[in-house]
Protein backbone atom coordinates (compact mmCIF):
# COMPACT_ATOMS: atom_id res chain seq x y z
CA MET A 1 0.00 0.00 0.00
CA LEU A 2 1.06 3.57 -0.68
CA SER A 3 2.29 5.80 2.13
CA HIS A 4 0.47 8.70 0.49
CA PRO A 5 -2.64 7.28 -1.20
CA GLN A 6 -3.93 10.81 -1.86
CA GLN A 7 -1.35 11.04 -4.64
CA LYS A 8 -3.13 8.25 -6.51
CA TYR A 9 -6.72 8.32 -5.32
CA ARG A 10 -9.19 11.16 -5.00
CA PRO A 11 -12.14 11.40 -2.60
CA PHE A 12 -15.55 11.29 -4.23
CA PRO A 13 -17.08 14.77 -4.18
CA PRO A 14 -20.26 15.16 -2.12
CA LEU A 15 -23.49 16.52 -3.57
CA ASN A 16 -24.49 20.01 -2.50
CA LEU A 17 -27.89 19.31 -0.95
CA PRO A 18 -28.06 21.37 2.25
CA ASP A 19 -31.83 20.91 2.65
CA ARG A 20 -31.71 17.11 2.31
CA ARG A 21 -34.72 15.44 3.91
CA TRP A 22 -33.80 11.76 3.98
CA PRO A 23 -31.96 11.80 7.37
CA SER A 24 -35.23 12.48 9.19
CA GLN A 25 -37.22 9.86 7.28
CA GLN A 26 -38.24 6.49 8.66
CA ILE A 27 -38.94 3.38 6.62
CA THR A 28 -42.49 2.30 7.43
CA GLN A 29 -43.18 -0.18 4.64
CA ALA A 30 -41.22 -2.55 2.47
CA PRO A 31 -40.09 -1.48 -0.99
CA ARG A 32 -40.81 -3.48 -4.10
CA TRP A 33 -38.23 -6.25 -4.42
CA LEU A 34 -36.50 -7.58 -7.49
CA SER A 35 -34.24 -10.60 -7.28
CA THR A 36 -31.47 -10.56 -9.84
CA ASP A 37 -29.93 -13.82 -8.61
CA LEU A 38 -30.61 -15.54 -11.92
CA ARG A 39 -29.02 -12.72 -13.91
CA ASP A 40 -26.54 -10.51 -12.04
CA GLY A 41 -25.84 -13.21 -9.48
CA ASN A 42 -25.48 -15.90 -12.12
CA GLN A 43 -23.14 -13.91 -14.35
CA ALA A 44 -20.79 -13.52 -11.37
CA LEU A 45 -20.37 -17.28 -10.89
CA ALA A 46 -17.19 -19.02 -12.02
CA GLU A 47 -19.47 -21.81 -13.20
CA PRO A 48 -22.81 -20.29 -14.25
CA MET A 49 -25.93 -22.20 -13.30
CA ASP A 50 -27.25 -24.82 -15.69
CA SER A 51 -30.96 -25.20 -16.35
CA GLU A 52 -31.54 -27.55 -13.41
CA ARG A 53 -29.88 -25.25 -10.88
CA LYS A 54 -31.71 -22.24 -12.33
CA ARG A 55 -35.02 -24.05 -11.95
CA GLN A 56 -34.28 -24.85 -8.31
CA PHE A 57 -33.40 -21.22 -7.66
CA TRP A 58 -36.51 -20.05 -9.51
CA GLN A 59 -38.75 -22.20 -7.32
CA LEU A 60 -37.00 -20.91 -4.21
CA LEU A 61 -37.55 -17.28 -5.24
CA LEU A 62 -41.24 -17.97 -5.80
CA ALA A 63 -41.50 -19.67 -2.40
CA CYS A 64 -39.85 -16.63 -0.77
CA GLY A 65 -42.55 -14.40 -2.26
CA PHE A 66 -40.74 -12.53 -5.04
CA LYS A 67 -43.11 -10.98 -7.59
CA GLU A 68 -40.39 -9.49 -9.82
CA ILE A 69 -37.48 -11.67 -10.87
CA GLU A 70 -34.75 -10.83 -13.34
CA VAL A 71 -34.27 -14.22 -14.92
CA ALA A 72 -31.70 -13.82 -17.67
CA PHE A 73 -29.64 -11.85 -20.15
CA PRO A 74 -31.10 -13.78 -23.09
CA SER A 75 -28.98 -12.17 -25.81
CA ALA A 76 -25.78 -12.96 -23.92
CA SER A 77 -25.93 -16.75 -24.06
CA GLN A 78 -27.99 -19.59 -25.45
CA THR A 79 -28.37 -21.00 -21.92
CA ASP A 80 -30.03 -17.80 -20.75
CA PHE A 81 -32.23 -17.65 -23.85
CA ASN A 82 -33.32 -21.25 -23.40
CA PHE A 83 -34.16 -20.71 -19.74
CA VAL A 84 -36.54 -17.88 -20.57
CA ARG A 85 -38.21 -20.09 -23.16
CA GLU A 86 -38.54 -22.95 -20.64
CA LEU A 87 -40.29 -20.70 -18.13
CA ILE A 88 -42.76 -19.50 -20.75
CA GLU A 89 -43.39 -22.70 -22.70
CA GLU A 90 -43.74 -24.88 -19.62
CA ASP A 91 -46.06 -22.37 -17.96
CA LEU A 92 -43.82 -22.02 -14.91
CA ILE A 93 -44.54 -18.33 -14.28
CA PRO A 94 -47.42 -17.58 -11.86
CA ASP A 95 -49.92 -15.00 -13.09
CA ASP A 96 -48.87 -12.48 -10.45
CA VAL A 97 -45.13 -12.74 -11.17
CA THR A 98 -43.30 -10.55 -13.68
CA ILE A 99 -40.09 -11.81 -15.20
CA GLN A 100 -37.41 -9.33 -16.17
CA VAL A 101 -34.70 -9.63 -18.83
CA LEU A 102 -31.69 -7.43 -19.47
CA THR A 103 -30.47 -6.09 -22.80
CA GLN A 104 -27.79 -3.76 -24.04
CA ALA A 105 -28.61 -0.82 -26.28
CA ARG A 106 -28.07 -2.61 -29.58
CA GLU A 107 -30.75 -3.29 -32.19
CA ASP A 108 -29.86 -6.95 -32.81
CA LEU A 109 -29.62 -7.72 -29.10
CA ILE A 110 -32.99 -6.09 -28.42
CA LEU A 111 -34.58 -8.18 -31.20
CA ARG A 112 -33.04 -11.33 -29.71
CA THR A 113 -34.37 -10.34 -26.29
CA PHE A 114 -37.93 -9.98 -27.55
CA ASP A 115 -37.59 -13.26 -29.40
CA SER A 116 -36.95 -14.96 -26.05
CA LEU A 117 -40.14 -13.39 -24.61
CA ARG A 118 -42.62 -14.71 -27.20
CA GLY A 119 -45.89 -15.61 -25.53
CA VAL A 120 -45.04 -14.30 -22.06
CA LYS A 121 -47.94 -12.88 -20.02
CA ARG A 122 -45.98 -10.27 -18.04
CA ALA A 123 -42.46 -9.03 -18.62
CA THR A 124 -40.09 -6.17 -17.90
CA VAL A 125 -37.53 -5.29 -20.55
CA HIS A 126 -34.49 -3.78 -18.86
CA LEU A 127 -32.25 -1.54 -20.99
CA TYR A 128 -28.97 -0.10 -19.81
CA ASN A 129 -26.10 1.97 -21.09
CA ALA A 130 -23.17 3.55 -19.27
CA THR A 131 -23.44 7.27 -18.57
CA ALA A 132 -20.49 8.25 -16.34
CA PRO A 133 -17.66 10.38 -17.77
CA LEU A 134 -15.11 7.62 -17.25
CA PHE A 135 -17.12 5.26 -19.41
CA ARG A 136 -18.33 7.83 -21.94
CA GLU A 137 -14.84 9.10 -22.65
CA LEU A 138 -12.49 6.22 -21.90
CA VAL A 139 -14.47 3.08 -22.76
CA PHE A 140 -16.72 4.30 -25.58
CA GLY A 141 -15.20 7.57 -26.78
CA LEU A 142 -18.65 9.21 -26.99
CA GLU A 143 -20.11 12.59 -26.14
CA LYS A 144 -23.14 13.16 -23.91
CA ALA A 145 -25.36 13.64 -26.96
CA ASP A 146 -24.22 10.28 -28.35
CA ILE A 147 -25.07 8.52 -25.07
CA ILE A 148 -28.54 10.11 -25.03
CA ALA A 149 -29.12 9.20 -28.67
CA LEU A 150 -28.18 5.59 -27.99
CA ALA A 151 -30.60 5.35 -25.05
CA THR A 152 -33.52 7.06 -26.81
CA ARG A 153 -33.05 5.09 -30.03
CA SER A 154 -33.12 1.80 -28.15
CA THR A 155 -36.10 2.91 -26.04
CA ARG A 156 -38.03 3.77 -29.20
CA GLN A 157 -37.28 0.31 -30.62
CA ILE A 158 -38.40 -1.38 -27.40
CA ARG A 159 -41.64 0.62 -27.37
CA GLN A 160 -42.42 -0.35 -30.95
CA LEU A 161 -41.79 -4.03 -30.25
CA CYS A 162 -43.99 -3.89 -27.15
CA GLU A 163 -46.81 -2.32 -29.16
CA GLN A 164 -46.56 -5.14 -31.69
CA HIS A 165 -47.38 -7.63 -28.93
CA PRO A 166 -50.31 -6.19 -26.96
CA GLU A 167 -51.15 -9.64 -25.54
CA THR A 168 -48.25 -9.17 -23.10
CA HIS A 169 -48.39 -6.80 -20.14
CA TRP A 170 -45.12 -4.90 -20.69
CA GLN A 171 -43.05 -2.88 -18.27
CA TYR A 172 -39.97 -0.92 -19.24
CA GLU A 173 -36.91 -0.38 -17.08
CA TYR A 174 -34.08 1.97 -17.94
CA SER A 175 -30.76 2.06 -16.06
CA PRO A 176 -28.19 4.79 -16.52
CA GLU A 177 -25.45 2.33 -15.67
CA THR A 178 -22.76 3.88 -13.46
CA PHE A 179 -25.37 6.36 -12.17
CA CYS A 180 -23.56 6.81 -8.87
CA PHE A 181 -20.58 8.49 -10.55
CA THR A 182 -22.53 10.21 -13.33
CA GLU A 183 -23.06 13.97 -13.08
CA PRO A 184 -26.48 14.37 -11.35
CA GLU A 185 -27.71 16.82 -13.99
CA PHE A 186 -26.74 14.50 -16.84
CA ALA A 187 -28.42 11.53 -15.16
CA LEU A 188 -31.59 13.60 -15.01
CA GLU A 189 -31.22 14.71 -18.62
CA ILE A 190 -30.85 11.24 -20.09
CA CYS A 191 -33.68 9.78 -17.97
CA GLU A 192 -35.98 12.65 -19.01
CA ALA A 193 -35.16 11.96 -22.65
CA VAL A 194 -35.85 8.24 -22.27
CA ALA A 195 -39.12 8.89 -20.43
CA ASP A 196 -40.23 11.27 -23.17
CA ILE A 197 -40.00 8.37 -25.62
CA TRP A 198 -41.68 5.80 -23.41
CA GLN A 199 -44.40 8.14 -22.05
CA PRO A 200 -44.93 6.38 -18.70
CA SER A 201 -48.43 6.03 -17.27
CA SER A 202 -50.48 3.51 -15.31
CA ASP A 203 -51.09 1.66 -18.57
CA ARG A 204 -47.47 1.99 -19.64
CA PRO A 205 -45.45 1.35 -16.45
CA MET A 206 -41.84 2.41 -16.28
CA ILE A 207 -39.00 1.87 -13.86
CA ILE A 208 -35.96 4.09 -13.67
CA ASN A 209 -33.17 2.18 -11.98
CA LEU A 210 -30.37 4.22 -10.41
CA PRO A 211 -27.56 1.76 -9.72
CA ALA A 212 -24.49 2.01 -7.57
CA THR A 213 -22.84 -0.14 -10.23
CA VAL A 214 -19.57 0.28 -8.38
CA GLU A 215 -19.66 1.81 -4.91
CA VAL A 216 -17.58 4.99 -5.00
CA SER A 217 -18.88 7.00 -2.06
CA THR A 218 -20.25 6.76 1.41
CA PRO A 219 -23.94 5.78 1.63
CA ASN A 220 -25.05 9.29 2.56
CA VAL A 221 -23.77 10.62 -0.76
CA TYR A 222 -25.71 7.93 -2.63
CA ALA A 223 -28.82 8.92 -0.66
CA ASP A 224 -28.27 12.55 -1.66
CA GLN A 225 -28.05 11.48 -5.30
CA ILE A 226 -31.33 9.57 -5.04
CA GLU A 227 -33.13 12.43 -3.29
CA PHE A 228 -31.79 14.96 -5.83
CA PHE A 229 -33.08 12.82 -8.69
CA CYS A 230 -36.48 12.22 -7.11
CA ARG A 231 -36.92 15.93 -6.42
CA HIS A 232 -36.08 17.08 -9.92
CA PHE A 233 -37.36 14.36 -12.24
CA SER A 234 -40.42 15.83 -13.97
CA ARG A 235 -42.33 12.54 -14.21
CA ARG A 236 -41.62 11.34 -10.67
CA GLN A 237 -45.26 10.41 -10.00
CA ASP A 238 -45.45 8.30 -13.15
CA VAL A 239 -42.38 6.12 -12.65
CA CYS A 240 -41.02 3.69 -10.10
CA ILE A 241 -37.56 4.65 -8.83
CA SER A 242 -35.43 1.57 -8.29
CA VAL A 243 -31.93 1.18 -6.85
CA HIS A 244 -29.34 -1.46 -7.54
CA PRO A 245 -26.50 -1.17 -5.00
CA HIS A 246 -23.34 -3.21 -5.20
CA ASN A 247 -21.08 -3.81 -2.23
CA ASP A 248 -17.62 -2.67 -3.26
CA ARG A 249 -17.20 -0.57 -0.11
CA GLY A 250 -19.06 -3.05 2.07
CA THR A 251 -21.98 -0.66 2.54
CA GLY A 252 -24.54 -2.02 0.07
CA VAL A 253 -27.19 -2.53 2.76
CA ALA A 254 -26.73 1.00 4.12
CA CYS A 255 -26.91 2.41 0.58
CA ALA A 256 -30.19 0.60 -0.07
CA GLU A 257 -31.80 1.62 3.22
CA LEU A 258 -30.78 5.25 2.90
CA ALA A 259 -31.90 5.26 -0.74
CA VAL A 260 -35.38 4.10 0.31
CA MET A 261 -35.42 6.87 2.92
CA ALA A 262 -34.42 9.25 0.10
CA GLY A 263 -37.39 8.27 -2.05
CA ALA A 264 -36.63 5.00 -3.85
CA ASP A 265 -39.58 2.64 -4.35
CA ARG A 266 -37.80 -0.57 -5.30
CA VAL A 267 -34.60 -2.45 -4.51
CA GLU A 268 -32.74 -4.90 -6.76
CA GLY A 269 -30.36 -7.38 -5.22
CA CYS A 270 -29.53 -11.01 -4.54
CA LEU A 271 -30.09 -13.49 -1.74
CA PHE A 272 -27.05 -13.36 0.54
CA GLY A 273 -25.40 -10.70 -1.59
CA ASN A 274 -24.08 -12.73 -4.51
CA GLY A 275 -23.07 -10.76 -7.62
CA GLU A 276 -20.21 -9.16 -9.51
CA ARG A 277 -16.99 -8.50 -7.54
CA THR A 278 -18.07 -8.09 -3.91
CA GLY A 279 -21.68 -8.75 -4.76
CA ASN A 280 -25.08 -7.08 -4.95
CA VAL A 281 -26.91 -5.84 -1.92
CA CYS A 282 -28.21 -8.70 0.25
CA LEU A 283 -32.01 -8.87 0.05
CA VAL A 284 -32.23 -11.28 3.00
CA THR A 285 -30.51 -8.74 5.22
CA LEU A 286 -32.71 -5.89 4.01
CA ALA A 287 -35.94 -7.86 4.47
CA MET A 288 -34.96 -9.15 7.91
CA ASN A 289 -33.87 -5.67 8.99
CA LEU A 290 -37.43 -4.50 8.26
CA TYR A 291 -38.92 -7.54 9.99
CA SER A 292 -36.92 -6.83 13.14
CA GLN A 293 -38.53 -3.37 13.23
CA GLY A 294 -42.04 -4.78 13.05
CA ILE A 295 -42.48 -4.08 9.32
CA THR A 296 -43.92 -6.80 7.09
CA PRO A 297 -41.11 -7.29 4.57
CA GLY A 298 -43.12 -8.86 1.76
CA LEU A 299 -40.67 -11.75 1.61
CA ARG A 300 -40.80 -14.93 3.69
CA PHE A 301 -37.93 -16.86 5.19
CA ASP A 302 -39.83 -19.29 7.40
CA ASP A 303 -37.13 -21.92 6.89
CA MET A 304 -33.92 -19.94 6.59
CA LYS A 305 -31.76 -23.05 6.76
CA GLN A 306 -33.49 -24.46 3.67
CA VAL A 307 -33.04 -21.15 1.83
CA VAL A 308 -29.32 -21.22 2.63
CA GLU A 309 -29.00 -24.83 1.47
CA VAL A 310 -30.69 -24.19 -1.88
CA VAL A 311 -28.69 -21.02 -2.57
CA GLU A 312 -25.41 -22.73 -1.66
CA ARG A 313 -26.25 -25.67 -3.90
CA CYS A 314 -27.23 -23.48 -6.87
CA ASN A 315 -24.45 -20.89 -6.55
CA GLN A 316 -21.87 -23.41 -5.40
CA LEU A 317 -20.72 -20.78 -2.95
CA PRO A 318 -20.93 -20.99 0.86
CA VAL A 319 -22.98 -18.56 2.93
CA HIS A 320 -20.70 -17.15 5.61
CA PRO A 321 -21.48 -18.60 9.08
CA ARG A 322 -21.68 -15.07 10.47
CA HIS A 323 -23.86 -13.71 7.69
CA PRO A 324 -26.51 -11.42 9.23
CA TRP A 325 -29.74 -13.25 10.02
CA ALA A 326 -28.92 -16.41 8.08
CA GLY A 327 -25.43 -17.55 9.04
CA SER A 328 -25.13 -20.75 11.08
CA LEU A 329 -23.62 -18.69 13.93
CA ALA A 330 -25.86 -15.63 13.55
CA TYR A 331 -27.78 -16.38 16.76
CA THR A 332 -25.09 -18.25 18.66
CA ALA A 333 -23.54 -17.17 21.94
CA PHE A 334 -20.38 -18.81 23.25
CA SER A 335 -19.50 -16.17 25.83
CA GLY A 336 -20.62 -16.93 29.36
CA SER A 337 -21.91 -13.41 30.04
CA HIS A 338 -23.93 -13.44 26.82
CA GLN A 339 -25.37 -16.84 27.66
CA ASP A 340 -26.35 -15.69 31.12
CA ALA A 341 -28.14 -12.64 29.73
CA ILE A 342 -30.01 -14.74 27.15
CA LYS A 343 -31.07 -17.29 29.78
CA LYS A 344 -32.39 -14.53 32.03
CA GLY A 345 -34.25 -13.07 29.07
CA PHE A 346 -35.98 -16.36 28.34
CA ASP A 347 -36.76 -16.92 32.02
CA ALA A 348 -38.43 -13.49 32.22
CA ARG A 349 -40.31 -13.66 28.93
CA LYS A 350 -44.11 -13.99 29.05
CA PRO A 351 -46.15 -15.30 26.08
CA GLY A 352 -47.57 -12.58 23.86
CA GLU A 353 -45.20 -9.86 25.02
CA PRO A 354 -43.20 -7.84 22.46
CA TRP A 355 -39.86 -9.46 21.78
CA ALA A 356 -37.11 -8.07 24.00
CA MET A 357 -34.22 -10.47 24.34
CA PRO A 358 -30.56 -9.77 25.13
CA TYR A 359 -28.32 -10.40 22.11
CA LEU A 360 -31.21 -11.71 19.97
CA PRO A 361 -32.85 -9.00 17.84
CA VAL A 362 -35.46 -11.47 16.51
CA ASP A 363 -36.81 -14.79 17.71
CA PRO A 364 -34.80 -17.45 15.83
CA GLN A 365 -37.89 -19.66 15.74
CA ASP A 366 -39.57 -17.13 13.42
CA ILE A 367 -37.21 -18.21 10.66
CA GLY A 368 -37.19 -21.89 11.51
CA CYS A 369 -34.08 -21.93 13.73
CA SER A 370 -34.14 -24.01 16.90
CA TYR A 371 -32.99 -22.62 20.20
CA GLU A 372 -30.31 -25.30 20.24
CA ALA A 373 -28.22 -23.09 18.00
CA VAL A 374 -28.51 -20.07 20.28
CA ILE A 375 -26.21 -21.23 23.07
CA ARG A 376 -23.23 -23.45 22.42
CA VAL A 377 -20.65 -24.52 24.93
CA ASN A 378 -16.88 -24.20 24.79
CA SER A 379 -14.13 -23.13 27.18
CA GLN A 380 -15.43 -19.53 27.20
CA SER A 381 -18.92 -20.48 28.32
CA GLY A 382 -20.22 -19.93 31.81
CA LYS A 383 -22.73 -21.65 34.01
CA SER A 384 -25.84 -20.35 32.31
CA GLY A 385 -25.14 -21.79 28.89
CA SER A 386 -24.84 -25.40 29.98
CA ALA A 387 -27.84 -25.08 32.28
CA TRP A 388 -29.96 -23.54 29.53
CA LEU A 389 -29.15 -26.34 27.10
CA ILE A 390 -29.95 -28.97 29.70
CA GLU A 391 -33.28 -27.27 30.38
CA GLN A 392 -34.18 -26.73 26.73
CA ASN A 393 -33.37 -30.26 25.66
CA HIS A 394 -34.21 -32.32 28.74
CA GLY A 395 -36.51 -30.18 30.87
CA LEU A 396 -34.23 -30.06 33.93
CA LYS A 397 -34.28 -26.68 35.70
CA LEU A 398 -30.99 -26.78 37.57
CA PRO A 399 -30.70 -24.88 40.87
CA ARG A 400 -28.19 -22.05 40.68
CA ALA A 401 -25.67 -23.79 42.94
CA LEU A 402 -25.88 -26.90 40.75
CA GLN A 403 -25.40 -24.73 37.65
CA GLN A 404 -22.17 -23.44 39.18
CA ASP A 405 -21.01 -26.93 40.06
CA PHE A 406 -21.73 -28.35 36.63
CA SER A 407 -20.08 -25.42 34.84
CA GLN A 408 -16.80 -26.20 36.62
CA HIS A 409 -16.86 -29.74 35.25
CA VAL A 410 -17.76 -28.46 31.78
CA GLN A 411 -14.89 -25.98 31.99
CA ARG A 412 -12.41 -28.70 32.87
CA GLU A 413 -13.68 -30.86 30.03
CA THR A 414 -13.52 -28.13 27.39
CA ASP A 415 -10.13 -26.87 28.62
CA ALA A 416 -8.79 -30.41 28.28
CA HIS A 417 -9.70 -30.86 24.60
CA GLY A 418 -10.10 -27.22 23.48
CA ARG A 419 -13.16 -27.93 21.37
CA GLU A 420 -16.83 -27.07 21.45
CA MET A 421 -18.93 -29.48 23.46
CA THR A 422 -21.79 -31.12 21.64
CA LEU A 423 -25.26 -31.40 23.14
CA ASN A 424 -24.85 -35.16 23.48
CA ALA A 425 -21.46 -34.84 25.14
CA LEU A 426 -22.85 -32.23 27.55
CA TRP A 427 -25.75 -34.49 28.51
CA GLN A 428 -23.51 -37.52 28.98
CA LEU A 429 -21.20 -35.51 31.23
CA PHE A 430 -24.19 -34.37 33.30
CA ARG A 431 -25.56 -37.89 33.64
CA THR A 432 -22.18 -39.32 34.57
CA ARG A 433 -21.31 -36.61 37.10
CA TYR A 434 -24.65 -36.71 38.92
CA ARG A 435 -25.15 -40.45 38.43
CA LEU A 436 -28.33 -40.13 36.41
CA VAL A 437 -27.60 -43.52 34.88
CA PRO A 438 -29.46 -46.83 34.67
CA GLN A 439 -27.18 -48.50 37.25
CA PRO A 440 -25.78 -45.94 39.71
CA PRO A 441 -23.25 -47.09 42.36
CA LEU A 442 -25.98 -46.91 45.03
CA ALA A 443 -29.13 -48.00 43.23
CA LEU A 444 -32.39 -47.96 45.19
CA LYS A 445 -34.25 -51.23 44.65
CA GLU A 446 -37.06 -50.90 47.19
CA TYR A 447 -37.89 -49.03 50.35
CA LYS A 448 -40.47 -48.86 53.14
CA SER A 449 -41.07 -46.10 55.64
CA GLU A 450 -43.20 -46.02 58.76
CA SER A 451 -43.88 -43.40 61.43
CA GLN A 452 -42.71 -44.06 64.96
CA GLN A 453 -44.49 -43.16 68.20
CA ASN A 454 -41.80 -40.62 69.04
CA GLY A 455 -42.63 -38.70 65.87
CA GLN A 456 -39.65 -39.93 63.92
CA LEU A 457 -39.74 -41.86 60.68
CA LYS A 458 -38.13 -45.25 60.15
CA LEU A 459 -36.70 -46.10 56.73
CA ASN A 460 -35.83 -49.58 55.51
CA ALA A 461 -34.28 -49.76 52.05
CA THR A 462 -32.55 -52.22 49.78
CA LEU A 463 -29.68 -50.93 47.65
CA GLN A 464 -27.74 -52.50 44.82
CA VAL A 465 -24.10 -51.81 45.71
CA THR A 466 -21.36 -52.98 43.32
CA GLY A 467 -23.27 -56.07 42.27
CA GLU A 468 -24.71 -57.08 45.61
CA GLN A 469 -27.79 -56.07 47.54
CA ARG A 470 -27.39 -54.27 50.84
CA LYS A 471 -30.12 -53.53 53.37
CA ILE A 472 -29.97 -50.31 55.33
CA GLU A 473 -32.03 -48.86 58.17
CA GLY A 474 -32.22 -45.36 59.54
CA TYR A 475 -34.30 -42.93 61.58
CA GLY A 476 -34.99 -39.24 61.16
CA ASN A 477 -37.58 -36.54 61.23
CA GLY A 478 -38.30 -37.18 57.56
CA LEU A 479 -37.59 -39.55 54.72
CA LEU A 480 -34.31 -37.95 53.67
CA SER A 481 -32.93 -37.44 57.18
CA ALA A 482 -33.63 -41.13 57.84
CA ALA A 483 -31.80 -41.99 54.61
CA ALA A 484 -28.87 -39.82 55.70
CA GLN A 485 -28.52 -41.68 58.98
CA ALA A 486 -28.76 -45.03 57.24
CA VAL A 487 -26.15 -44.20 54.58
CA SER A 488 -23.69 -42.69 57.08
CA GLY A 489 -23.05 -46.15 58.40
CA LEU A 490 -22.67 -47.55 54.91
CA ILE A 491 -20.06 -45.03 53.79
CA ARG A 492 -18.46 -44.82 57.27
CA GLN A 493 -18.80 -41.07 57.72
CA PRO A 494 -21.57 -38.65 58.53
CA VAL A 495 -23.40 -36.99 55.63
CA VAL A 496 -25.63 -33.92 55.80
CA ILE A 497 -28.19 -32.79 53.20
CA LYS A 498 -27.29 -29.19 52.37
CA ASP A 499 -29.63 -28.38 49.42
CA TYR A 500 -32.84 -29.89 48.15
CA HIS A 501 -34.89 -28.91 45.07
CA GLU A 502 -37.58 -30.66 43.07
CA HIS A 503 -39.97 -30.07 40.17
CA THR A 504 -42.10 -32.03 37.76
CA LEU A 505 -41.12 -32.77 34.18
CA GLY A 506 -44.16 -31.57 32.29
CA GLU A 507 -47.59 -30.42 33.38
CA ARG A 508 -49.59 -33.70 33.35
CA SER A 509 -50.67 -35.36 36.55
CA ASP A 510 -48.68 -38.46 35.64
CA SER A 511 -45.50 -36.54 34.80
CA ARG A 512 -42.23 -37.69 36.25
CA SER A 513 -40.48 -35.72 38.97
CA VAL A 514 -36.86 -34.68 39.28
CA ALA A 515 -35.01 -34.07 42.54
CA TYR A 516 -31.66 -32.33 43.10
CA ILE A 517 -29.77 -32.89 46.34
CA ARG A 518 -26.39 -31.65 47.60
CA CYS A 519 -24.66 -33.59 50.38
CA LEU A 520 -22.04 -32.17 52.71
CA PHE A 521 -19.32 -34.44 54.12
CA ALA A 522 -17.16 -34.26 57.24
CA ASP A 523 -14.11 -33.05 55.34
CA GLY A 524 -16.04 -30.02 54.05
CA SER A 525 -16.50 -31.37 50.55
CA SER A 526 -19.89 -31.63 48.89
CA ARG A 527 -21.50 -33.42 46.00
CA TRP A 528 -24.72 -33.15 44.00
CA GLY A 529 -26.96 -35.97 42.92
CA VAL A 530 -29.98 -36.02 40.62
CA GLY A 531 -32.89 -38.46 40.56
CA ILE A 532 -35.86 -38.83 38.21
CA ASP A 533 -38.88 -41.02 38.87
CA SER A 534 -42.66 -41.02 38.57
CA ASP A 535 -42.69 -41.12 42.41
CA ILE A 536 -41.21 -37.93 43.91
CA SER A 537 -40.18 -39.77 47.10
CA ARG A 538 -38.30 -42.38 45.11
CA ALA A 539 -36.73 -39.63 42.93
CA SER A 540 -35.58 -37.81 46.08
CA LEU A 541 -34.10 -40.93 47.66
CA GLN A 542 -32.19 -41.87 44.51
CA ALA A 543 -30.91 -38.28 44.16
CA PHE A 544 -29.65 -38.52 47.74
CA PHE A 545 -27.95 -41.87 47.17
CA ASN A 546 -26.35 -40.48 44.00
CA ALA A 547 -24.92 -37.59 46.02
CA ALA A 548 -23.98 -39.51 49.17
CA GLN A 549 -20.60 -40.85 48.01
CA LEU A 550 -17.25 -39.27 47.54
CA ASP A 551 -15.65 -41.50 44.94
CA ASP A 552 -15.75 -40.23 41.37
């Protein structure tokens, strides 16, 4: 990199718009959406989609709710041409969906484009030509008048061809390609000239697309450009203003949102931001951003994982795991403090309340994501994460002191191997540590209790101990205190019950119960045990026996 980049690069000049209004605007409804995955996205692939992959993507876009889809550049390749014909001839286009095709401003290419559209019910013909000084002068060697003549001549041809086929509901889209670094006055001039030819109206719909073909400025400058155009275009009420941001500066989403605030009606982009160079603006992000603000986005992602899978298969490109809203780690917390906050949020949440959850701007279940993905356990996780996973997957609501105890064992385990702990591994560690296993070292076989005249309770129990049955007897003011006296003799030291908690698993009358017990030993050490049984007394006794031993 250069020590003095200013010697080679120049800052993009801002637009003088001191009375700009867009900063105080708020988006209250979704724009019109156009997916260009099958055109702009496809042309950016090292291996463009074949017909089968295009069909899969087409069906996905329909399922997501797109009503405008740019399907091809039919004059650019036979594959694109054939795909348009397949959609039409096989009647694959719903009546409320408009397909869009792109063409350059050349007579033969326009004729080829219309040839691909024979028999279509609804279609948008999208014409573009470059307008920026760099392209006018360097690439094409043309003057402004030549650029305008090219656009108007092609528009006139497109209008004539549309009028020859009145059976189709036509829409016309014009893009001054490289709008974002075209002089604002010239962009207005050429769009006015094109509109004069097309004569937009409700019966003759027109879209003017103002692309950030290559991002060259900060998003606020792009918003100024959009607002300037919307203010000064004489036919503003008769046309739809569309934007087509790319992501060269990494600010495609911001450009799109600010452009809508500045007056744009429509946004073109791709699912997950595929497209030339650094990609088009990500329509999933834009739609979900609206959804998170309580605005119906007009697109549906009820099964985001399936959307990701189809797009990855068709594009043969991975979706980044930290992609906003859709990445496999988008809702995942590894940090202990984050996990604790999320757990407290879920514990406090009441059904029907507005969503307010630490670190989770939307409910992952709204887009088909399970809560299992929200909290994952590694060496950085704290007590809350493990406890939350145990509760979510097995219904056990661990007492806080038990959460702390278990987290220490999880920490030792994850520190030892340095990897994330799977749900199954976490559960197996819990079961092993707290002896929630089919054959615990002290397994209760049967028991009988009876009240004594002195008010105490007598317990007789049979335990399976290392392959043999042992009978024990004890007295206490309750079932567990009697068990404590009985076991003290068995393990040859006194044992005291320090903590006791219980709850049912489920809400039915025949639901099983779970008991948590912590035992304190003479040397100051303690241990937890857990028991589950349809009989709460039996669950409590087994939890006690699971805790009442020091050997690990």
